[in-house]
Amino acid sequence: MPALLLALLLPGCQTFGAFPDPATALVGTWDNEAQFAAADPALHRPPAAGTPYAWLDRQHALFRIVQAPALAGAGGTAVHLVWRSGGPDGPVSRQRLWVFRPDPRTGRTVMHFHALRDPVPFATAAPDGFAFRTLTLRDVTSYPEPCALPVRRTRTGFAARIPEGCTITAQSGRTMTLSAEIRLAGNSLDYAEAGTLPDGQFAFRVPNPGPYRFTRR
């Protein structure tokens, strides 16, 4: 009790519990407009599979917590993201569900990637509406369990990274090793991902080179 009281009284002393959980910390709109504007104009090229050239595009990102109980599970939180190319009014470039939940074995927070099989209805669906509430694992494509990202909370946000050895077979039939890293620190959010083929070549790298550097709007 004295230690707790001292922590409450001393200015600047806070516990991790006083900071937002990872899902809540993501909520809002983000944009890499500043990164895009500062980049060499030669990098302003559209995304490309593999690594035929270096590129960076502008992305506007919306993150919101949605009610998807079949995916979130007990004690979990589902975050729906909608990215748009070129700015807030651009075409949708990506929709995903990032689900944060405790690992049943360790109790530590992990993050799972899910891609919507039919993303169109979800871009404007109400976060607590029928579409999300009835969403099941049959409606998404998910990374396998060994690819879940351990989440490490920091004083200003969190960091998450796919463990080494995360391998999938893509719809094309190609086997690839996945990597992804997310870092949120205050009003800054970095994101990068890549897929590497058995011969060491990149199947994709987003962006190239990474990461995206988003700023909270």
Protein backbone atom coordinates (compact mmCIF):
# COMPACT_ATOMS: atom_id res chain seq x y z
CA MET A 1 0.00 0.00 0.00
CA PRO A 2 2.74 2.60 0.78
CA ALA A 3 4.44 1.86 -2.56
CA LEU A 4 1.14 2.26 -4.42
CA LEU A 5 0.39 5.51 -2.61
CA LEU A 6 3.87 6.83 -3.42
CA ALA A 7 3.40 6.01 -7.11
CA LEU A 8 0.11 7.90 -7.14
CA LEU A 9 1.58 10.97 -5.44
CA LEU A 10 4.86 11.35 -7.30
CA PRO A 11 4.44 13.34 -10.55
CA GLY A 12 5.28 11.42 -13.69
CA CYS A 13 5.13 8.02 -11.97
CA GLN A 14 2.61 5.75 -13.69
CA THR A 15 2.13 2.03 -14.09
CA PHE A 16 1.55 0.31 -17.42
CA GLY A 17 -2.07 -0.10 -16.37
CA ALA A 18 -2.50 3.67 -16.70
CA PHE A 19 -1.72 3.53 -20.42
CA PRO A 20 -4.20 2.43 -23.09
CA ASP A 21 -4.20 -1.23 -24.06
CA PRO A 22 -2.87 -1.89 -27.60
CA ALA A 23 -6.30 -2.07 -29.22
CA THR A 24 -7.47 1.19 -27.66
CA ALA A 25 -4.18 2.91 -28.49
CA LEU A 26 -4.72 2.20 -32.20
CA VAL A 27 -8.22 3.68 -32.40
CA GLY A 28 -8.46 6.74 -34.63
CA THR A 29 -7.18 7.95 -37.99
CA TRP A 30 -3.57 7.90 -39.12
CA ASP A 31 -1.75 9.09 -42.24
CA ASN A 32 1.79 8.82 -43.60
CA GLU A 33 1.38 12.11 -45.48
CA ALA A 34 4.47 13.64 -43.82
CA GLN A 35 6.63 10.62 -44.66
CA PHE A 36 5.37 10.64 -48.25
CA ALA A 37 6.00 14.38 -48.69
CA ALA A 38 9.54 14.13 -47.31
CA ALA A 39 10.50 11.12 -49.43
CA ASP A 40 12.50 11.33 -52.65
CA PRO A 41 9.93 11.85 -55.45
CA ALA A 42 11.58 8.94 -57.26
CA LEU A 43 10.00 6.67 -54.63
CA HIS A 44 6.49 7.90 -55.43
CA ARG A 45 5.58 4.81 -57.44
CA PRO A 46 2.74 2.34 -57.05
CA PRO A 47 3.20 -0.82 -54.95
CA ALA A 48 4.63 -3.80 -56.81
CA ALA A 49 4.91 -7.51 -56.09
CA GLY A 50 8.41 -8.70 -55.36
CA THR A 51 11.01 -5.94 -55.28
CA PRO A 52 11.37 -4.69 -58.88
CA TYR A 53 11.94 -1.16 -57.57
CA ALA A 54 11.85 0.90 -54.40
CA TRP A 55 8.47 2.51 -53.72
CA LEU A 56 6.44 4.42 -51.16
CA ASP A 57 2.81 5.41 -51.48
CA ARG A 58 0.57 7.52 -49.27
CA GLN A 59 -1.86 5.65 -47.04
CA HIS A 60 -4.65 6.97 -44.82
CA ALA A 61 -5.62 4.51 -42.09
CA LEU A 62 -8.70 4.19 -39.90
CA PHE A 63 -8.66 1.85 -36.89
CA ARG A 64 -11.78 1.08 -34.87
CA ILE A 65 -12.80 -1.50 -32.29
CA VAL A 66 -15.62 -3.74 -33.53
CA GLN A 67 -17.84 -6.35 -31.93
CA ALA A 68 -16.73 -9.64 -33.51
CA PRO A 69 -17.10 -12.13 -30.65
CA ALA A 70 -16.41 -15.26 -32.71
CA LEU A 71 -12.97 -13.90 -33.60
CA ALA A 72 -12.11 -12.01 -30.43
CA GLY A 73 -12.93 -14.90 -28.10
CA ALA A 74 -12.85 -14.63 -24.34
CA GLY A 75 -11.03 -11.51 -23.19
CA GLY A 76 -10.06 -10.44 -26.70
CA THR A 77 -10.59 -7.25 -28.71
CA ALA A 78 -11.06 -7.03 -32.48
CA VAL A 79 -9.72 -3.98 -34.31
CA HIS A 80 -10.95 -3.34 -37.86
CA LEU A 81 -8.62 -1.34 -40.09
CA VAL A 82 -9.45 0.38 -43.37
CA TRP A 83 -6.58 1.84 -45.37
CA ARG A 84 -7.15 4.19 -48.32
CA SER A 85 -4.64 5.07 -51.02
CA GLY A 86 -3.76 8.72 -51.54
CA GLY A 87 -5.74 10.16 -48.64
CA PRO A 88 -9.01 9.90 -46.72
CA ASP A 89 -11.15 9.98 -49.88
CA GLY A 90 -9.06 7.51 -51.86
CA PRO A 91 -9.98 3.95 -52.81
CA VAL A 92 -9.80 1.27 -50.13
CA SER A 93 -6.43 -0.48 -50.40
CA ARG A 94 -6.63 -2.79 -47.40
CA GLN A 95 -9.04 -4.14 -44.81
CA ARG A 96 -7.94 -6.37 -41.98
CA LEU A 97 -8.95 -7.45 -38.50
CA TRP A 98 -6.25 -7.34 -35.86
CA VAL A 99 -7.39 -9.35 -32.86
CA PHE A 100 -5.65 -8.85 -29.53
CA ARG A 101 -6.26 -11.54 -26.93
CA PRO A 102 -4.43 -13.34 -24.13
CA ASP A 103 -2.49 -16.45 -25.05
CA PRO A 104 -4.31 -19.34 -23.31
CA ARG A 105 -1.01 -20.85 -22.19
CA THR A 106 0.89 -17.81 -20.95
CA GLY A 107 -1.78 -15.14 -20.48
CA ARG A 108 0.37 -12.69 -22.42
CA THR A 109 -1.21 -10.59 -25.15
CA VAL A 110 -0.80 -11.78 -28.73
CA MET A 111 -2.14 -10.34 -31.98
CA HIS A 112 -3.74 -12.32 -34.81
CA PHE A 113 -4.08 -11.21 -38.45
CA HIS A 114 -7.34 -11.89 -40.29
CA ALA A 115 -8.20 -10.90 -43.89
CA LEU A 116 -11.87 -10.65 -44.86
CA ARG A 117 -12.88 -13.01 -47.66
CA ASP A 118 -15.52 -10.50 -48.81
CA PRO A 119 -14.33 -7.13 -47.50
CA VAL A 120 -16.75 -4.86 -49.38
CA PRO A 121 -19.66 -4.89 -46.87
CA PHE A 122 -17.39 -4.13 -43.92
CA ALA A 123 -15.80 -0.85 -44.99
CA THR A 124 -18.84 1.12 -43.85
CA ALA A 125 -20.50 -1.43 -41.52
CA ALA A 126 -21.41 -0.29 -38.02
CA PRO A 127 -18.79 -1.49 -35.50
CA ASP A 128 -21.47 -3.11 -33.34
CA GLY A 129 -23.74 -4.10 -36.23
CA PHE A 130 -24.93 -7.40 -37.64
CA ALA A 131 -22.08 -7.82 -40.14
CA PHE A 132 -19.36 -7.89 -37.49
CA ARG A 133 -21.38 -9.65 -34.81
CA THR A 134 -22.07 -12.61 -37.12
CA LEU A 135 -18.53 -12.80 -38.53
CA THR A 136 -16.95 -16.24 -38.09
CA LEU A 137 -13.60 -17.84 -38.85
CA ARG A 138 -15.16 -19.18 -42.08
CA ASP A 139 -15.45 -15.58 -43.29
CA VAL A 140 -11.76 -14.73 -42.92
CA THR A 141 -8.36 -15.95 -44.01
CA SER A 142 -6.10 -16.19 -40.99
CA TYR A 143 -2.42 -16.63 -40.35
CA PRO A 144 -1.68 -19.92 -38.54
CA GLU A 145 -1.37 -19.92 -34.76
CA PRO A 146 2.48 -19.99 -34.74
CA CYS A 147 2.38 -16.65 -36.60
CA ALA A 148 0.55 -14.80 -33.82
CA LEU A 149 2.51 -11.70 -32.85
CA PRO A 150 3.62 -11.42 -29.20
CA VAL A 151 2.72 -7.92 -28.02
CA ARG A 152 5.09 -6.03 -25.75
CA ARG A 153 3.61 -3.00 -24.06
CA THR A 154 5.82 0.06 -23.63
CA ARG A 155 5.45 3.30 -21.72
CA THR A 156 4.01 5.04 -24.78
CA GLY A 157 2.37 2.23 -26.75
CA PHE A 158 3.36 -1.25 -27.84
CA ALA A 159 5.55 -3.30 -30.17
CA ALA A 160 4.58 -6.52 -31.95
CA ARG A 161 6.53 -8.73 -34.30
CA ILE A 162 5.83 -12.03 -36.06
CA PRO A 163 8.02 -14.78 -34.59
CA GLU A 164 10.80 -16.18 -36.78
CA GLY A 165 9.83 -19.25 -38.76
CA CYS A 166 6.26 -18.19 -39.58
CA THR A 167 5.62 -19.98 -42.87
CA ILE A 168 2.46 -20.11 -44.98
CA THR A 169 1.33 -21.44 -48.34
CA ALA A 170 -0.19 -18.61 -50.35
CA GLN A 171 -3.24 -19.01 -52.61
CA SER A 172 -0.79 -19.11 -55.51
CA GLY A 173 0.64 -22.30 -54.04
CA ARG A 174 3.96 -20.70 -53.15
CA THR A 175 5.46 -21.27 -49.72
CA MET A 176 6.82 -18.17 -48.03
CA THR A 177 8.13 -17.01 -44.70
CA LEU A 178 6.27 -14.01 -43.30
CA SER A 179 7.62 -11.09 -41.33
CA ALA A 180 5.72 -8.13 -39.93
CA GLU A 181 6.47 -5.51 -37.31
CA ILE A 182 4.21 -2.92 -35.69
CA ARG A 183 5.40 -0.18 -33.34
CA LEU A 184 3.14 2.41 -31.76
CA ALA A 185 4.73 5.20 -29.72
CA GLY A 186 2.43 8.02 -28.74
CA ASN A 187 1.20 9.61 -31.96
CA SER A 188 3.55 7.64 -34.21
CA LEU A 189 2.80 4.26 -35.77
CA ASP A 190 5.29 2.22 -37.84
CA TYR A 191 4.20 -0.75 -39.93
CA ALA A 192 6.14 -3.07 -42.24
CA GLU A 193 5.54 -6.55 -43.63
CA ALA A 194 7.17 -8.90 -46.11
CA GLY A 195 7.00 -12.40 -47.54
CA THR A 196 10.23 -14.23 -48.42
CA LEU A 197 10.38 -17.19 -50.81
CA PRO A 198 12.55 -20.28 -50.13
CA ASP A 199 15.21 -18.94 -52.52
CA GLY A 200 15.52 -15.76 -50.45
CA GLN A 201 13.68 -13.53 -52.91
CA PHE A 202 10.88 -11.28 -51.70
CA ALA A 203 7.37 -12.27 -52.76
CA PHE A 204 6.25 -8.90 -51.43
CA ARG A 205 7.57 -6.11 -49.25
CA VAL A 206 5.27 -3.38 -47.92
CA PRO A 207 6.47 -0.72 -48.40
CA ASN A 208 9.81 -1.22 -50.14
CA PRO A 209 11.84 -0.50 -48.12
CA GLY A 210 9.74 -0.21 -44.98
CA PRO A 211 8.27 0.84 -42.75
CA TYR A 212 5.22 3.02 -43.26
CA ARG A 213 5.44 5.85 -40.73
CA PHE A 214 1.98 7.00 -39.77
CA THR A 215 1.12 10.02 -37.66
CA ARG A 216 -2.12 10.29 -35.74
CA ARG A 217 -4.49 12.83 -37.27
